[in-house]
Amino acid sequence: MSKVFTAEEELQSDIVACQLVIKQILDVIDVIAPVEVREKMANQLKAIDFTGHPAADAVTLRAVQKAVALIELKFTPQNEAH
């Protein structure tokens, strides 16, 4: 790779890489984790208190919300999702 990326291209690349890693992690969890562990993961993310925390910017908060939604969506049986 000899191309120099712009800051925006590098950010897009980072996002895609993170999405791929998250997909792999969710697939592993789906196979090995009982329902209680999956619920605990979502609950732990929901319990994060960002008030006064330096990482409490809107983008981080939205990312946590999306992570919770992904965990809940991924592990909700299809007959319960409707």
Protein backbone atom coordinates (compact mmCIF):
# COMPACT_ATOMS: atom_id res chain seq x y z
CA MET A 1 0.00 0.00 0.00
CA SER A 2 1.75 3.08 -1.19
CA LYS A 3 -1.24 5.41 -1.32
CA VAL A 4 -1.43 8.11 1.34
CA PHE A 5 -4.94 8.35 2.69
CA THR A 6 -6.71 11.55 3.60
CA ALA A 7 -7.92 11.90 7.18
CA GLU A 8 -11.48 11.11 6.04
CA GLU A 9 -10.38 7.99 4.12
CA GLU A 10 -8.40 6.82 7.14
CA LEU A 11 -11.45 7.34 9.38
CA GLN A 12 -13.64 5.40 6.96
CA SER A 13 -11.08 2.61 6.91
CA ASP A 14 -11.00 2.53 10.71
CA ILE A 15 -14.80 2.33 10.85
CA VAL A 16 -14.94 -0.56 8.39
CA ALA A 17 -12.19 -2.39 10.29
CA CYS A 18 -14.08 -1.94 13.56
CA GLN A 19 -17.30 -3.16 11.98
CA LEU A 20 -15.56 -6.30 10.71
CA VAL A 21 -14.02 -7.03 14.11
CA ILE A 22 -17.34 -6.44 15.88
CA LYS A 23 -19.08 -8.79 13.43
CA GLN A 24 -16.54 -11.51 14.22
CA ILE A 25 -16.89 -10.97 17.98
CA LEU A 26 -20.68 -11.13 17.77
CA ASP A 27 -20.47 -14.35 15.74
CA VAL A 28 -18.23 -15.94 18.38
CA ILE A 29 -20.45 -14.76 21.22
CA ASP A 30 -23.49 -16.12 19.41
CA VAL A 31 -21.90 -19.56 19.41
CA ILE A 32 -20.37 -19.70 22.89
CA ALA A 33 -22.28 -17.36 25.17
CA PRO A 34 -25.46 -18.25 26.99
CA VAL A 35 -28.37 -15.82 26.91
CA GLU A 36 -27.48 -14.50 30.37
CA VAL A 37 -24.06 -13.36 29.15
CA ARG A 38 -25.56 -11.61 26.15
CA GLU A 39 -28.07 -9.79 28.34
CA LYS A 40 -25.31 -8.82 30.75
CA MET A 41 -23.28 -7.30 27.89
CA ALA A 42 -26.16 -5.07 26.85
CA ASN A 43 -26.95 -4.13 30.45
CA GLN A 44 -23.33 -3.22 31.17
CA LEU A 45 -23.28 -0.85 28.20
CA LYS A 46 -26.59 0.67 29.26
CA ALA A 47 -25.23 1.21 32.79
CA ILE A 48 -22.26 3.35 31.71
CA ASP A 49 -22.59 6.76 33.34
CA PHE A 50 -21.22 9.39 30.99
CA THR A 51 -22.16 12.40 33.10
CA GLY A 52 -18.98 14.34 33.66
CA HIS A 53 -16.89 11.78 31.81
CA PRO A 54 -14.45 13.21 29.24
CA ALA A 55 -15.67 10.74 26.64
CA ALA A 56 -19.25 11.99 26.96
CA ASP A 57 -19.41 13.59 23.55
CA ALA A 58 -22.46 13.00 21.36
CA VAL A 59 -20.61 10.66 18.98
CA THR A 60 -19.48 8.36 21.81
CA LEU A 61 -22.94 8.33 23.36
CA ARG A 62 -24.49 7.44 19.99
CA ALA A 63 -21.89 4.70 19.50
CA VAL A 64 -22.81 3.14 22.85
CA GLN A 65 -26.51 3.30 21.94
CA LYS A 66 -25.79 1.59 18.62
CA ALA A 67 -23.67 -1.07 20.33
CA VAL A 68 -26.52 -1.89 22.72
CA ALA A 69 -28.96 -2.04 19.82
CA LEU A 70 -26.65 -4.33 17.85
CA ILE A 71 -26.21 -6.72 20.76
CA GLU A 72 -29.93 -6.82 21.44
CA LEU A 73 -30.82 -7.19 17.76
CA LYS A 74 -28.17 -9.83 17.11
CA PHE A 75 -29.23 -12.01 19.99
CA THR A 76 -33.00 -11.59 19.92
CA PRO A 77 -34.60 -14.69 18.44
CA GLN A 78 -36.31 -13.80 15.19
CA ASN A 79 -39.75 -14.86 16.45
CA GLU A 80 -39.38 -12.36 19.35
CA ALA A 81 -38.17 -9.50 17.15
CA HIS A 82 -41.51 -9.04 15.44
